PDB file of N, CA and C in Angstrom:
ATOM      1  N   MET A   1     202.395 109.760 105.997  1.00  0.00           N
ATOM      2  CA  MET A   1     202.169 109.157 104.695  1.00  0.00           C
ATOM      3  C   MET A   1     202.216 107.631 104.805  1.00  0.00           C
ATOM      4  N   ASP A   2     201.358 106.975 104.074  1.00  0.00           N
ATOM      5  CA  ASP A   2     201.401 105.524 104.090  1.00  0.00           C
ATOM      6  C   ASP A   2     202.394 105.009 103.043  1.00  0.00           C
ATOM      7  N   MET A   3     202.651 103.760 103.047  1.00  0.00           N
ATOM      8  CA  MET A   3     203.674 103.150 102.189  1.00  0.00           C
ATOM      9  C   MET A   3     203.351 103.319 100.699  1.00  0.00           C
ATOM     10  N   PHE A   4     202.093 103.162 100.333  1.00  0.00           N
ATOM     11  CA  PHE A   4     201.717 103.277  98.924  1.00  0.00           C
ATOM     12  C   PHE A   4     201.963 104.693  98.398  1.00  0.00           C
ATOM     13  N   GLN A   5     201.671 105.664  99.194  1.00  0.00           N
ATOM     14  CA  GLN A   5     201.874 107.046  98.775  1.00  0.00           C
ATOM     15  C   GLN A   5     203.368 107.343  98.614  1.00  0.00           C
ATOM     16  N   ILE A   6     204.186 106.836  99.508  1.00  0.00           N
ATOM     17  CA  ILE A   6     205.636 107.041  99.423  1.00  0.00           C
ATOM     18  C   ILE A   6     206.186 106.389  98.158  1.00  0.00           C
ATOM     19  N   VAL A   7     205.770 105.155  97.886  1.00  0.00           N
ATOM     20  CA  VAL A   7     206.233 104.434  96.694  1.00  0.00           C
ATOM     21  C   VAL A   7     205.773 105.162  95.432  1.00  0.00           C
ATOM     22  N   SER A   8     204.527 105.618  95.408  1.00  0.00           N
ATOM     23  CA  SER A   8     204.003 106.344  94.245  1.00  0.00           C
ATOM     24  C   SER A   8     204.791 107.622  94.000  1.00  0.00           C
ATOM     25  N   GLU A   9     205.039 108.382  95.046  1.00  0.00           N
ATOM     26  CA  GLU A   9     205.799 109.632  94.916  1.00  0.00           C
ATOM     27  C   GLU A   9     207.207 109.354  94.398  1.00  0.00           C
ATOM     28  N   ASP A  10     207.846 108.302  94.899  1.00  0.00           N
ATOM     29  CA  ASP A  10     209.203 107.964  94.452  1.00  0.00           C
ATOM     30  C   ASP A  10     209.212 107.581  92.974  1.00  0.00           C
ATOM     31  N   ARG A  11     208.218 106.817  92.542  1.00  0.00           N
ATOM     32  CA  ARG A  11     208.158 106.409  91.131  1.00  0.00           C
ATOM     33  C   ARG A  11     207.902 107.604  90.218  1.00  0.00           C
ATOM     34  N   ILE A  12     207.063 108.521  90.644  1.00  0.00           N
ATOM     35  CA  ILE A  12     206.792 109.720  89.847  1.00  0.00           C
ATOM     36  C   ILE A  12     208.056 110.562  89.739  1.00  0.00           C
ATOM     37  N   LYS A  13     208.782 110.751  90.857  1.00  0.00           N
ATOM     38  CA  LYS A  13     210.027 111.527  90.833  1.00  0.00           C
ATOM     39  C   LYS A  13     211.067 110.876  89.929  1.00  0.00           C
ATOM     40  N   LYS A  14     211.185 109.550  89.987  1.00  0.00           N
ATOM     41  CA  LYS A  14     212.143 108.826  89.146  1.00  0.00           C
ATOM     42  C   LYS A  14     211.769 108.967  87.672  1.00  0.00           C
ATOM     43  N   ALA A  15     210.485 108.822  87.349  1.00  0.00           N
ATOM     44  CA  ALA A  15     210.038 108.955  85.959  1.00  0.00           C
ATOM     45  C   ALA A  15     210.301 110.363  85.449  1.00  0.00           C
ATOM     46  N   TYR A  16     210.110 111.360  86.291  1.00  0.00           N
ATOM     47  CA  TYR A  16     210.369 112.748  85.904  1.00  0.00           C
ATOM     48  C   TYR A  16     211.851 112.959  85.622  1.00  0.00           C
ATOM     49  N   LYS A  17     212.713 112.419  86.478  1.00  0.00           N
ATOM     50  CA  LYS A  17     214.166 112.543  86.282  1.00  0.00           C
ATOM     51  C   LYS A  17     214.618 111.808  85.031  1.00  0.00           C
ATOM     52  N   ASP A  18     213.983 110.674  84.719  1.00  0.00           N
ATOM     53  CA  ASP A  18     214.350 109.884  83.541  1.00  0.00           C
ATOM     54  C   ASP A  18     213.785 110.462  82.254  1.00  0.00           C
ATOM     55  N   GLY A  19     212.969 111.510  82.352  1.00  0.00           N
ATOM     56  CA  GLY A  19     212.427 112.173  81.172  1.00  0.00           C
ATOM     57  C   GLY A  19     211.224 111.491  80.557  1.00  0.00           C
ATOM     58  N   GLU A  20     210.531 110.672  81.327  1.00  0.00           N
ATOM     59  CA  GLU A  20     209.376 109.954  80.784  1.00  0.00           C
ATOM     60  C   GLU A  20     208.164 110.856  80.568  1.00  0.00           C
ATOM     61  N   PHE A  21     208.185 112.049  81.139  1.00  0.00           N
ATOM     62  CA  PHE A  21     207.070 112.969  80.967  1.00  0.00           C
ATOM     63  C   PHE A  21     207.313 113.967  79.844  1.00  0.00           C
ATOM     64  N   GLU A  22     208.436 113.838  79.146  1.00  0.00           N
ATOM     65  CA  GLU A  22     208.728 114.716  78.016  1.00  0.00           C
ATOM     66  C   GLU A  22     208.091 114.137  76.753  1.00  0.00           C
ATOM     67  N   ASN A  23     207.748 115.005  75.825  1.00  0.00           N
ATOM     68  CA  ASN A  23     207.179 114.617  74.526  1.00  0.00           C
ATOM     69  C   ASN A  23     205.863 113.851  74.652  1.00  0.00           C
ATOM     70  N   LEU A  24     205.098 114.158  75.651  1.00  0.00           N
ATOM     71  CA  LEU A  24     203.766 113.562  75.772  1.00  0.00           C
ATOM     72  C   LEU A  24     202.811 114.253  74.805  1.00  0.00           C
ATOM     73  N   PRO A  25     201.808 113.548  74.283  1.00  0.00           N
ATOM     74  CA  PRO A  25     200.848 114.199  73.396  1.00  0.00           C
ATOM     75  C   PRO A  25     200.134 115.335  74.132  1.00  0.00           C
ATOM     76  N   GLY A  26     200.037 116.476  73.464  1.00  0.00           N
ATOM     77  CA  GLY A  26     199.352 117.626  74.052  1.00  0.00           C
ATOM     78  C   GLY A  26     200.239 118.450  74.965  1.00  0.00           C
ATOM     79  N   LEU A  27     201.533 118.181  74.973  1.00  0.00           N
ATOM     80  CA  LEU A  27     202.451 118.910  75.834  1.00  0.00           C
ATOM     81  C   LEU A  27     202.427 120.392  75.493  1.00  0.00           C
ATOM     82  N   GLY A  28     202.199 121.221  76.485  1.00  0.00           N
ATOM     83  CA  GLY A  28     202.197 122.666  76.290  1.00  0.00           C
ATOM     84  C   GLY A  28     200.883 123.221  75.763  1.00  0.00           C
ATOM     85  N   LYS A  29     199.920 122.361  75.531  1.00  0.00           N
ATOM     86  CA  LYS A  29     198.618 122.803  75.031  1.00  0.00           C
ATOM     87  C   LYS A  29     197.612 122.775  76.178  1.00  0.00           C
ATOM     88  N   PRO A  30     196.610 123.660  76.106  1.00  0.00           N
ATOM     89  CA  PRO A  30     195.593 123.620  77.171  1.00  0.00           C
ATOM     90  C   PRO A  30     194.782 122.330  77.104  1.00  0.00           C
ATOM     91  N   MET A  31     194.352 121.872  78.265  1.00  0.00           N
ATOM     92  CA  MET A  31     193.546 120.654  78.312  1.00  0.00           C
ATOM     93  C   MET A  31     192.167 120.920  77.714  1.00  0.00           C
ATOM     94  N   GLN A  32     191.629 119.930  77.034  1.00  0.00           N
ATOM     95  CA  GLN A  32     190.290 120.030  76.471  1.00  0.00           C
ATOM     96  C   GLN A  32     189.296 119.552  77.529  1.00  0.00           C
ATOM     97  N   LEU A  33     188.749 120.479  78.264  1.00  0.00           N
ATOM     98  CA  LEU A  33     187.786 120.128  79.299  1.00  0.00           C
ATOM     99  C   LEU A  33     186.382 120.117  78.723  1.00  0.00           C
ATOM    100  N   GLU A  34     185.613 119.152  79.120  1.00  0.00           N
ATOM    101  CA  GLU A  34     184.242 119.015  78.637  1.00  0.00           C
ATOM    102  C   GLU A  34     183.307 119.779  79.573  1.00  0.00           C
ATOM    103  N   ASP A  35     182.408 120.552  78.980  1.00  0.00           N
ATOM    104  CA  ASP A  35     181.450 121.311  79.787  1.00  0.00           C
ATOM    105  C   ASP A  35     180.309 120.393  80.210  1.00  0.00           C
ATOM    106  N   LEU A  36     180.274 120.069  81.471  1.00  0.00           N
ATOM    107  CA  LEU A  36     179.233 119.203  82.017  1.00  0.00           C
ATOM    108  C   LEU A  36     178.270 119.965  82.919  1.00  0.00           C
ATOM    109  N   SER A  37     178.236 121.281  82.756  1.00  0.00           N
ATOM    110  CA  SER A  37     177.405 122.097  83.637  1.00  0.00           C
ATOM    111  C   SER A  37     175.910 121.821  83.460  1.00  0.00           C
ATOM    112  N   ALA A  38     175.508 121.329  82.290  1.00  0.00           N
ATOM    113  CA  ALA A  38     174.094 121.049  82.056  1.00  0.00           C
ATOM    114  C   ALA A  38     173.660 119.716  82.666  1.00  0.00           C
ATOM    115  N   ILE A  39     174.617 118.925  83.127  1.00  0.00           N
ATOM    116  CA  ILE A  39     174.317 117.619  83.701  1.00  0.00           C
ATOM    117  C   ILE A  39     174.370 117.737  85.219  1.00  0.00           C
ATOM    118  N   PRO A  40     173.347 117.254  85.918  1.00  0.00           N
ATOM    119  CA  PRO A  40     173.364 117.329  87.384  1.00  0.00           C
ATOM    120  C   PRO A  40     174.631 116.686  87.955  1.00  0.00           C
ATOM    121  N   GLU A  41     175.144 117.281  89.014  1.00  0.00           N
ATOM    122  CA  GLU A  41     176.422 116.858  89.572  1.00  0.00           C
ATOM    123  C   GLU A  41     176.445 115.381  89.962  1.00  0.00           C
ATOM    124  N   ASP A  42     175.344 114.874  90.492  1.00  0.00           N
ATOM    125  CA  ASP A  42     175.326 113.479  90.926  1.00  0.00           C
ATOM    126  C   ASP A  42     175.234 112.485  89.757  1.00  0.00           C
ATOM    127  N   LEU A  43     174.974 112.973  88.533  1.00  0.00           N
ATOM    128  CA  LEU A  43     174.894 112.102  87.357  1.00  0.00           C
ATOM    129  C   LEU A  43     176.117 112.213  86.441  1.00  0.00           C
ATOM    130  N   ARG A  44     177.029 113.108  86.745  1.00  0.00           N
ATOM    131  CA  ARG A  44     178.169 113.354  85.848  1.00  0.00           C
ATOM    132  C   ARG A  44     179.069 112.140  85.691  1.00  0.00           C
ATOM    133  N   MET A  45     179.352 111.453  86.772  1.00  0.00           N
ATOM    134  CA  MET A  45     180.224 110.280  86.685  1.00  0.00           C
ATOM    135  C   MET A  45     179.580 109.205  85.817  1.00  0.00           C
ATOM    136  N   ALA A  46     178.293 108.952  86.008  1.00  0.00           N
ATOM    137  CA  ALA A  46     177.594 107.956  85.197  1.00  0.00           C
ATOM    138  C   ALA A  46     177.590 108.381  83.724  1.00  0.00           C
ATOM    139  N   TYR A  47     177.383 109.670  83.476  1.00  0.00           N
ATOM    140  CA  TYR A  47     177.403 110.184  82.107  1.00  0.00           C
ATOM    141  C   TYR A  47     178.763 109.934  81.456  1.00  0.00           C
ATOM    142  N   LYS A  48     179.837 110.243  82.175  1.00  0.00           N
ATOM    143  CA  LYS A  48     181.188 110.048  81.633  1.00  0.00           C
ATOM    144  C   LYS A  48     181.459 108.573  81.356  1.00  0.00           C
ATOM    145  N   LEU A  49     181.019 107.694  82.266  1.00  0.00           N
ATOM    146  CA  LEU A  49     181.224 106.260  82.052  1.00  0.00           C
ATOM    147  C   LEU A  49     180.493 105.775  80.808  1.00  0.00           C
ATOM    148  N   LEU A  50     179.242 106.205  80.656  1.00  0.00           N
ATOM    149  CA  LEU A  50     178.473 105.800  79.477  1.00  0.00           C
ATOM    150  C   LEU A  50     179.079 106.363  78.205  1.00  0.00           C
ATOM    151  N   LYS A  51     179.508 107.608  78.250  1.00  0.00           N
ATOM    152  CA  LYS A  51     180.101 108.232  77.069  1.00  0.00           C
ATOM    153  C   LYS A  51     181.402 107.540  76.687  1.00  0.00           C
ATOM    154  N   ASN A  52     182.236 107.250  77.661  1.00  0.00           N
ATOM    155  CA  ASN A  52     183.502 106.568  77.385  1.00  0.00           C
ATOM    156  C   ASN A  52     183.287 105.148  76.888  1.00  0.00           C
ATOM    157  N   ALA A  53     182.161 104.551  77.231  1.00  0.00           N
ATOM    158  CA  ALA A  53     181.826 103.208  76.766  1.00  0.00           C
ATOM    159  C   ALA A  53     181.196 103.238  75.376  1.00  0.00           C
ATOM    160  N   GLY A  54     180.971 104.433  74.839  1.00  0.00           N
ATOM    161  CA  GLY A  54     180.422 104.549  73.501  1.00  0.00           C
ATOM    162  C   GLY A  54     178.917 104.671  73.434  1.00  0.00           C
ATOM    163  N   TYR A  55     178.282 104.868  74.549  1.00  0.00           N
ATOM    164  CA  TYR A  55     176.829 105.005  74.602  1.00  0.00           C
ATOM    165  C   TYR A  55     176.493 106.480  74.414  1.00  0.00           C
ATOM    166  N   THR A  56     175.873 106.830  73.287  1.00  0.00           N
ATOM    167  CA  THR A  56     175.639 108.226  72.949  1.00  0.00           C
ATOM    168  C   THR A  56     174.236 108.682  73.313  1.00  0.00           C
ATOM    169  N   GLN A  57     174.057 109.986  73.321  1.00  0.00           N
ATOM    170  CA  GLN A  57     172.738 110.545  73.600  1.00  0.00           C
ATOM    171  C   GLN A  57     171.763 110.203  72.485  1.00  0.00           C
ATOM    172  N   GLU A  58     172.250 110.187  71.246  1.00  0.00           N
ATOM    173  CA  GLU A  58     171.370 109.857  70.120  1.00  0.00           C
ATOM    174  C   GLU A  58     170.844 108.432  70.265  1.00  0.00           C
ATOM    175  N   GLU A  59     171.711 107.515  70.655  1.00  0.00           N
ATOM    176  CA  GLU A  59     171.314 106.128  70.853  1.00  0.00           C
ATOM    177  C   GLU A  59     170.275 106.030  71.968  1.00  0.00           C
ATOM    178  N   SER A  60     170.510 106.733  73.042  1.00  0.00           N
ATOM    179  CA  SER A  60     169.586 106.738  74.172  1.00  0.00           C
ATOM    180  C   SER A  60     168.234 107.306  73.761  1.00  0.00           C
ATOM    181  N   HIS A  61     168.268 108.407  73.012  1.00  0.00           N
ATOM    182  CA  HIS A  61     167.034 109.043  72.558  1.00  0.00           C
ATOM    183  C   HIS A  61     166.257 108.100  71.634  1.00  0.00           C
ATOM    184  N   LEU A  62     166.962 107.418  70.734  1.00  0.00           N
ATOM    185  CA  LEU A  62     166.298 106.479  69.827  1.00  0.00           C
ATOM    186  C   LEU A  62     165.675 105.314  70.592  1.00  0.00           C
ATOM    187  N   ARG A  63     166.362 104.803  71.587  1.00  0.00           N
ATOM    188  CA  ARG A  63     165.805 103.707  72.395  1.00  0.00           C
ATOM    189  C   ARG A  63     164.500 104.148  73.056  1.00  0.00           C
ATOM    190  N   GLN A  64     164.515 105.364  73.570  1.00  0.00           N
ATOM    191  CA  GLN A  64     163.329 105.884  74.233  1.00  0.00           C
ATOM    192  C   GLN A  64     162.177 106.034  73.237  1.00  0.00           C
ATOM    193  N   GLU A  65     162.481 106.553  72.045  1.00  0.00           N
ATOM    194  CA  GLU A  65     161.442 106.705  71.022  1.00  0.00           C
ATOM    195  C   GLU A  65     160.892 105.351  70.595  1.00  0.00           C
ATOM    196  N   LEU A  66     161.771 104.359  70.447  1.00  0.00           N
ATOM    197  CA  LEU A  66     161.327 103.020  70.063  1.00  0.00           C
ATOM    198  C   LEU A  66     160.347 102.449  71.088  1.00  0.00           C
ATOM    199  N   MET A  67     160.680 102.597  72.351  1.00  0.00           N
ATOM    200  CA  MET A  67     159.783 102.084  73.393  1.00  0.00           C
ATOM    201  C   MET A  67     158.452 102.815  73.393  1.00  0.00           C
ATOM    202  N   THR A  68     158.482 104.124  73.174  1.00  0.00           N
ATOM    203  CA  THR A  68     157.245 104.905  73.145  1.00  0.00           C
ATOM    204  C   THR A  68     156.364 104.473  71.982  1.00  0.00           C
ATOM    205  N   ILE A  69     156.963 104.318  70.811  1.00  0.00           N
ATOM    206  CA  ILE A  69     156.196 103.914  69.628  1.00  0.00           C
ATOM    207  C   ILE A  69     155.613 102.515  69.825  1.00  0.00           C
ATOM    208  N   GLU A  70     156.402 101.605  70.396  1.00  0.00           N
ATOM    209  CA  GLU A  70     155.896 100.252  70.650  1.00  0.00           C
ATOM    210  C   GLU A  70     154.711 100.279  71.618  1.00  0.00           C
ATOM    211  N   ASP A  71     154.784 101.128  72.627  1.00  0.00           N
ATOM    212  CA  ASP A  71     153.667 101.261  73.565  1.00  0.00           C
ATOM    213  C   ASP A  71     152.425 101.803  72.866  1.00  0.00           C
ATOM    214  N   LEU A  72     152.613 102.793  71.993  1.00  0.00           N
ATOM    215  CA  LEU A  72     151.476 103.361  71.264  1.00  0.00           C
ATOM    216  C   LEU A  72     150.834 102.330  70.342  1.00  0.00           C
ATOM    217  N   ILE A  73     151.660 101.502  69.714  1.00  0.00           N
ATOM    218  CA  ILE A  73     151.128 100.456  68.823  1.00  0.00           C
ATOM    219  C   ILE A  73     150.249  99.493  69.613  1.00  0.00           C
ATOM    220  N   LYS A  74     150.697  99.130  70.810  1.00  0.00           N
ATOM    221  CA  LYS A  74     149.923  98.200  71.639  1.00  0.00           C
ATOM    222  C   LYS A  74     148.590  98.787  72.073  1.00  0.00           C
ATOM    223  N   LYS A  75     148.549 100.099  72.245  1.00  0.00           N
ATOM    224  CA  LYS A  75     147.359 100.724  72.817  1.00  0.00           C
ATOM    225  C   LYS A  75     146.357 101.247  71.793  1.00  0.00           C
ATOM    226  N   THR A  76     146.770 101.372  70.544  1.00  0.00           N
ATOM    227  CA  THR A  76     145.839 101.933  69.560  1.00  0.00           C
ATOM    228  C   THR A  76     145.028 100.829  68.880  1.00  0.00           C
ATOM    229  N   ASP A  77     143.797 101.195  68.519  1.00  0.00           N
ATOM    230  CA  ASP A  77     142.920 100.274  67.807  1.00  0.00           C
ATOM    231  C   ASP A  77     142.726 100.687  66.350  1.00  0.00           C
ATOM    232  N   ASP A  78     143.098 101.910  66.027  1.00  0.00           N
ATOM    233  CA  ASP A  78     142.947 102.436  64.679  1.00  0.00           C
ATOM    234  C   ASP A  78     143.992 101.809  63.752  1.00  0.00           C
ATOM    235  N   ILE A  79     143.516 101.152  62.693  1.00  0.00           N
ATOM    236  CA  ILE A  79     144.403 100.421  61.781  1.00  0.00           C
ATOM    237  C   ILE A  79     145.355 101.366  61.047  1.00  0.00           C
ATOM    238  N   SER A  80     144.843 102.477  60.557  1.00  0.00           N
ATOM    239  CA  SER A  80     145.713 103.409  59.834  1.00  0.00           C
ATOM    240  C   SER A  80     146.768 104.020  60.767  1.00  0.00           C
ATOM    241  N   GLU A  81     146.389 104.270  61.994  1.00  0.00           N
ATOM    242  CA  GLU A  81     147.344 104.798  62.976  1.00  0.00           C
ATOM    243  C   GLU A  81     148.419 103.754  63.284  1.00  0.00           C
ATOM    244  N   LYS A  82     148.003 102.486  63.381  1.00  0.00           N
ATOM    245  CA  LYS A  82     148.970 101.412  63.626  1.00  0.00           C
ATOM    246  C   LYS A  82     149.965 101.311  62.476  1.00  0.00           C
ATOM    247  N   GLU A  83     149.465 101.457  61.250  1.00  0.00           N
ATOM    248  CA  GLU A  83     150.358 101.397  60.079  1.00  0.00           C
ATOM    249  C   GLU A  83     151.371 102.536  60.119  1.00  0.00           C
ATOM    250  N   ASN A  84     150.907 103.736  60.452  1.00  0.00           N
ATOM    251  CA  ASN A  84     151.823 104.877  60.565  1.00  0.00           C
ATOM    252  C   ASN A  84     152.869 104.643  61.659  1.00  0.00           C
ATOM    253  N   LEU A  85     152.409 104.121  62.771  1.00  0.00           N
ATOM    254  CA  LEU A  85     153.331 103.860  63.886  1.00  0.00           C
ATOM    255  C   LEU A  85     154.340 102.767  63.530  1.00  0.00           C
ATOM    256  N   HIS A  86     153.894 101.747  62.805  1.00  0.00           N
ATOM    257  CA  HIS A  86     154.813 100.687  62.367  1.00  0.00           C
ATOM    258  C   HIS A  86     155.861 101.260  61.409  1.00  0.00           C
ATOM    259  N   ARG A  87     155.430 102.154  60.538  1.00  0.00           N
ATOM    260  CA  ARG A  87     156.356 102.788  59.605  1.00  0.00           C
ATOM    261  C   ARG A  87     157.407 103.594  60.380  1.00  0.00           C
ATOM    262  N   LYS A  88     156.945 104.370  61.357  1.00  0.00           N
ATOM    263  CA  LYS A  88     157.874 105.152  62.184  1.00  0.00           C
ATOM    264  C   LYS A  88     158.817 104.243  62.964  1.00  0.00           C
ATOM    265  N   LEU A  89     158.255 103.159  63.488  1.00  0.00           N
ATOM    266  CA  LEU A  89     159.070 102.211  64.244  1.00  0.00           C
ATOM    267  C   LEU A  89     160.161 101.611  63.360  1.00  0.00           C
ATOM    268  N   ASN A  90     159.805 101.239  62.143  1.00  0.00           N
ATOM    269  CA  ASN A  90     160.789 100.667  61.229  1.00  0.00           C
ATOM    270  C   ASN A  90     161.882 101.677  60.874  1.00  0.00           C
ATOM    271  N   GLU A  91     161.506 102.932  60.669  1.00  0.00           N
ATOM    272  CA  GLU A  91     162.501 103.969  60.376  1.00  0.00           C
ATOM    273  C   GLU A  91     163.470 104.142  61.546  1.00  0.00           C
ATOM    274  N   LYS A  92     162.913 104.171  62.754  1.00  0.00           N
ATOM    275  CA  LYS A  92     163.751 104.329  63.955  1.00  0.00           C
ATOM    276  C   LYS A  92     164.649 103.109  64.154  1.00  0.00           C
ATOM    277  N   LEU A  93     164.124 101.914  63.881  1.00  0.00           N
ATOM    278  CA  LEU A  93     164.931 100.701  64.000  1.00  0.00           C
ATOM    279  C   LEU A  93     166.098 100.706  63.019  1.00  0.00           C
ATOM    280  N   ILE A  94     165.827 101.151  61.815  1.00  0.00           N
ATOM    281  CA  ILE A  94     166.898 101.230  60.822  1.00  0.00           C
ATOM    282  C   ILE A  94     167.975 102.195  61.289  1.00  0.00           C
ATOM    283  N   ARG A  95     167.569 103.353  61.762  1.00  0.00           N
ATOM    284  CA  ARG A  95     168.528 104.344  62.250  1.00  0.00           C
ATOM    285  C   ARG A  95     169.317 103.810  63.443  1.00  0.00           C
ATOM    286  N   PHE A  96     168.611 103.178  64.377  1.00  0.00           N
ATOM    287  CA  PHE A  96     169.270 102.618  65.558  1.00  0.00           C
ATOM    288  C   PHE A  96     170.297 101.556  65.164  1.00  0.00           C
ATOM    289  N   ASN A  97     169.911 100.673  64.264  1.00  0.00           N
ATOM    290  CA  ASN A  97     170.823  99.611  63.840  1.00  0.00           C
ATOM    291  C   ASN A  97     172.004 100.155  63.034  1.00  0.00           C
ATOM    292  N   GLN A  98     171.805 101.253  62.308  1.00  0.00           N
ATOM    293  CA  GLN A  98     172.919 101.892  61.620  1.00  0.00           C
ATOM    294  C   GLN A  98     173.933 102.418  62.627  1.00  0.00           C
ATOM    295  N   ILE A  99     173.431 103.061  63.678  1.00  0.00           N
ATOM    296  CA  ILE A  99     174.313 103.580  64.729  1.00  0.00           C
ATOM    297  C   ILE A  99     175.072 102.429  65.381  1.00  0.00           C
ATOM    298  N   MET A 100     174.365 101.364  65.691  1.00  0.00           N
ATOM    299  CA  MET A 100     175.000 100.231  66.362  1.00  0.00           C
ATOM    300  C   MET A 100     176.016  99.534  65.454  1.00  0.00           C
ATOM    301  N   SER A 101     175.719  99.435  64.167  1.00  0.00           N
ATOM    302  CA  SER A 101     176.671  98.780  63.265  1.00  0.00           C
ATOM    303  C   SER A 101     177.926  99.631  63.066  1.00  0.00           C
ATOM    304  N   LYS A 102     177.794 100.969  63.127  1.00  0.00           N
ATOM    305  CA  LYS A 102     178.973 101.834  63.057  1.00  0.00           C
ATOM    306  C   LYS A 102     179.887 101.603  64.252  1.00  0.00           C
ATOM    307  N   LYS A 103     179.286 101.247  65.382  1.00  0.00           N
ATOM    308  CA  LYS A 103     180.059 100.971  66.595  1.00  0.00           C
ATOM    309  C   LYS A 103     180.636  99.561  66.583  1.00  0.00           C
ATOM    310  N   GLY A 104     180.209  98.758  65.637  1.00  0.00           N
ATOM    311  CA  GLY A 104     180.688  97.380  65.583  1.00  0.00           C
ATOM    312  C   GLY A 104     179.816  96.405  66.337  1.00  0.00           C
ATOM    313  N   VAL A 105     178.664  96.870  66.795  1.00  0.00           N
ATOM    314  CA  VAL A 105     177.729  95.990  67.505  1.00  0.00           C
ATOM    315  C   VAL A 105     176.855  95.321  66.462  1.00  0.00           C
ATOM    316  N   LYS A 106     176.841  94.013  66.500  1.00  0.00           N
ATOM    317  CA  LYS A 106     176.054  93.267  65.510  1.00  0.00           C
ATOM    318  C   LYS A 106     174.631  93.101  66.002  1.00  0.00           C
ATOM    319  N   THR A 107     173.694  93.293  65.078  1.00  0.00           N
ATOM    320  CA  THR A 107     172.295  93.031  65.409  1.00  0.00           C
ATOM    321  C   THR A 107     171.983  91.614  64.979  1.00  0.00           C
ATOM    322  N   ASN A 108     171.370  90.860  65.850  1.00  0.00           N
ATOM    323  CA  ASN A 108     171.116  89.447  65.607  1.00  0.00           C
ATOM    324  C   ASN A 108     169.766  89.189  64.952  1.00  0.00           C
ATOM    325  N   SER A 109     169.014  90.228  64.694  1.00  0.00           N
ATOM    326  CA  SER A 109     167.671  90.048  64.176  1.00  0.00           C
ATOM    327  C   SER A 109     167.699  89.772  62.675  1.00  0.00           C
ATOM    328  N   SER A 110     167.376  88.544  62.280  1.00  0.00           N
ATOM    329  CA  SER A 110     167.316  88.204  60.864  1.00  0.00           C
ATOM    330  C   SER A 110     166.123  88.882  60.206  1.00  0.00           C
ATOM    331  N   ILE A 111     165.076  89.116  60.980  1.00  0.00           N
ATOM    332  CA  ILE A 111     163.905  89.823  60.456  1.00  0.00           C
ATOM    333  C   ILE A 111     164.306  91.228  60.041  1.00  0.00           C
ATOM    334  N   PHE A 112     165.078  91.889  60.898  1.00  0.00           N
ATOM    335  CA  PHE A 112     165.525  93.236  60.560  1.00  0.00           C
ATOM    336  C   PHE A 112     166.419  93.217  59.324  1.00  0.00           C
ATOM    337  N   LYS A 113     167.307  92.263  59.227  1.00  0.00           N
ATOM    338  CA  LYS A 113     168.215  92.179  58.078  1.00  0.00           C
ATOM    339  C   LYS A 113     167.420  92.036  56.786  1.00  0.00           C
ATOM    340  N   ASN A 114     166.420  91.158  56.788  1.00  0.00           N
ATOM    341  CA  ASN A 114     165.586  90.973  55.592  1.00  0.00           C
ATOM    342  C   ASN A 114     164.847  92.253  55.238  1.00  0.00           C
ATOM    343  N   TYR A 115     164.289  92.895  56.240  1.00  0.00           N
ATOM    344  CA  TYR A 115     163.554  94.134  56.009  1.00  0.00           C
ATOM    345  C   TYR A 115     164.493  95.231  55.503  1.00  0.00           C
ATOM    346  N   GLU A 116     165.668  95.309  56.108  1.00  0.00           N
ATOM    347  CA  GLU A 116     166.639  96.322  55.698  1.00  0.00           C
ATOM    348  C   GLU A 116     167.048  96.119  54.239  1.00  0.00           C
ATOM    349  N   LEU A 117     167.261  94.880  53.838  1.00  0.00           N
ATOM    350  CA  LEU A 117     167.613  94.592  52.444  1.00  0.00           C
ATOM    351  C   LEU A 117     166.495  95.007  51.489  1.00  0.00           C
ATOM    352  N   LYS A 118     165.250  94.746  51.875  1.00  0.00           N
ATOM    353  CA  LYS A 118     164.115  95.143  51.038  1.00  0.00           C
ATOM    354  C   LYS A 118     164.056  96.658  50.888  1.00  0.00           C
ATOM    355  N   VAL A 119     164.255  97.361  51.979  1.00  0.00           N
ATOM    356  CA  VAL A 119     164.229  98.835  51.943  1.00  0.00           C
ATOM    357  C   VAL A 119     165.362  99.353  51.072  1.00  0.00           C
ATOM    358  N   GLN A 120     166.545  98.799  51.246  1.00  0.00           N
ATOM    359  CA  GLN A 120     167.693  99.258  50.459  1.00  0.00           C
ATOM    360  C   GLN A 120     167.479  98.993  48.964  1.00  0.00           C
ATOM    361  N   ASN A 121     166.877  97.830  48.638  1.00  0.00           N
ATOM    362  CA  ASN A 121     166.606  97.527  47.233  1.00  0.00           C
ATOM    363  C   ASN A 121     165.586  98.490  46.637  1.00  0.00           C
ATOM    364  N   LYS A 122     164.595  98.889  47.410  1.00  0.00           N
ATOM    365  CA  LYS A 122     163.592  99.837  46.929  1.00  0.00           C
ATOM    366  C   LYS A 122     164.205 101.209  46.710  1.00  0.00           C
ATOM    367  N   LEU A 123     165.175 101.572  47.536  1.00  0.00           N
ATOM    368  CA  LEU A 123     165.789 102.881  47.427  1.00  0.00           C
ATOM    369  C   LEU A 123     166.775 102.985  46.261  1.00  0.00           C
ATOM    370  N   LYS A 124     167.206 101.873  45.740  1.00  0.00           N
ATOM    371  CA  LYS A 124     168.170 101.883  44.616  1.00  0.00           C
ATOM    372  C   LYS A 124     167.527 102.234  43.316  1.00  0.00           C
TER     373      LYS A 124
END
């Protein structure tokens, strides 16, 4: 055994004797394990890091949809189709910014703020 392992073991034994492991939250209850079987094994650690950082699947999905819609807008020549795509893009942006504001992330876009206020006023 190396020195760090010996010191760690001694500290754990001392903490156990001093009763520091008593009355811990969840004592005597089964652990809540997350089912990650649907996620490839080599991506599980990255998934856990992103999840613990507050990055959700819904946010990821919305980002992907936003990029797809923006690409479609650039490539289409049909005016009515562009209007529909802009409408969809604005709806997705509103949803995305709602998710981000719930997390406490501020959006710096004054254009979005003005548009959001107009939409909210129309809905009232």
